[in-house]
């Protein structure tokens, strides 16, 4: 019977060891999936990342500047016969960026990014075929119509023009009197300069009236994608998120099986669970270190073709992808480290409890043995000795002897 019980215990320990090995593999992978899911599908963290990597560094400002102040963007837009391309031709790079900062402030850029990400995540979880992507142009339009955007733009633009000669000043006077566009653009002296700024401000406000409140971009961005491809993408994303959420359940199922097989006390619970989770955390740290070394190579290989076609877009992709991967790996490494510390602590506490139990048991056994020895000694000291044999007294007749010798027929 004892031999059967010993075989069952050994078999249970072997199975529990195999479950620990599975936990060491699956637990860090579940932590990695959780880190990826939280890094890719959190609008707050992505907004903070884009703000830190692209907006605050001036990357988006520079990109808008190079997009707005181009011949293609200015083509067909004129100001009383003067093309905007010619009017803005004298602006320096710093002046262009100043105009963009006033028309597209960082708060507005941040709100657009946050709105875009929120609508994207909501679309991925919905049944819609097209995302509700749009650019809110109402703040910029209101700034040009009723704020100081039009006046400041006109002032910066005219200040960039070269100083007028007397002939050029007369030409500008005729231009302001609507006698035709001037041959050259130049900055006149006051009060003609103020009048020119007022006229330019009025033209900018007229242009702003044609700006829509919102610019829908969802259909343009996904115009080349079929509904089947879009739905397949959404199904993949939704499947990954469900898998990342459910992946954390598997290690705990294994821990439950270990409890059923070998755990019979708090000490064994802490030792088995702590050891499994601690080893899983160590393996997670090794994975995080390896992925961190491969991060730069993966991003470089992914944007090789994009760098040749669109360098600015490749740089933006590199910044965002690098930030997302770094954030995910940092979260993964931190969670692995915390579980390593927790597991090691639980394992050590389990060992201390086991050792304390053994010491307590030995102490109790020693006390019990000492008690038995004391009790035996006490009984020995209290036991009465056997009385020595008593010699018969002389002169006292033996009750078995007759008092008189037999007589008569008995004699």
Foldseek 3Di string as FASTA:
>chain_A
DVVVVVVLLVVLVVLLVVLLVVLLPLVLVLLLLLLLCCLPQPLVNLLVLCCVLDVVVCNVLLVVLVVCLDCVNQPPDAQLQHTVNQLQVLDDPVLSSVLSCQLCPSVLVSVLSSVQSVQVSVVLPDPDLWTFHKRFNQVSLCCLQPNCSLLVNLVSSQVSFAADDPVQVVQVVCVLVSVDHRPHRHQYDPPSNVSSSVSSSVRSNVVSVPDDRMGGCRCVVCVVPDSVVSVVVSVVVVVSVVCSVCSNVVSVVSLVSSCVRNDDDLLVNLQSVLVSQLSSLVSSLVVLVVVVVCQVVVLCVVCVVVCVVPVSVSVSCSSSSSVSSVSSSVSSNVVSVVSNVSSVVSNVVSVVVVVVVVVVVVVVVVVVVVVVVVVVVVVVVPDDDDDDDDDDDPPDDDPVDDPDDDDDPND
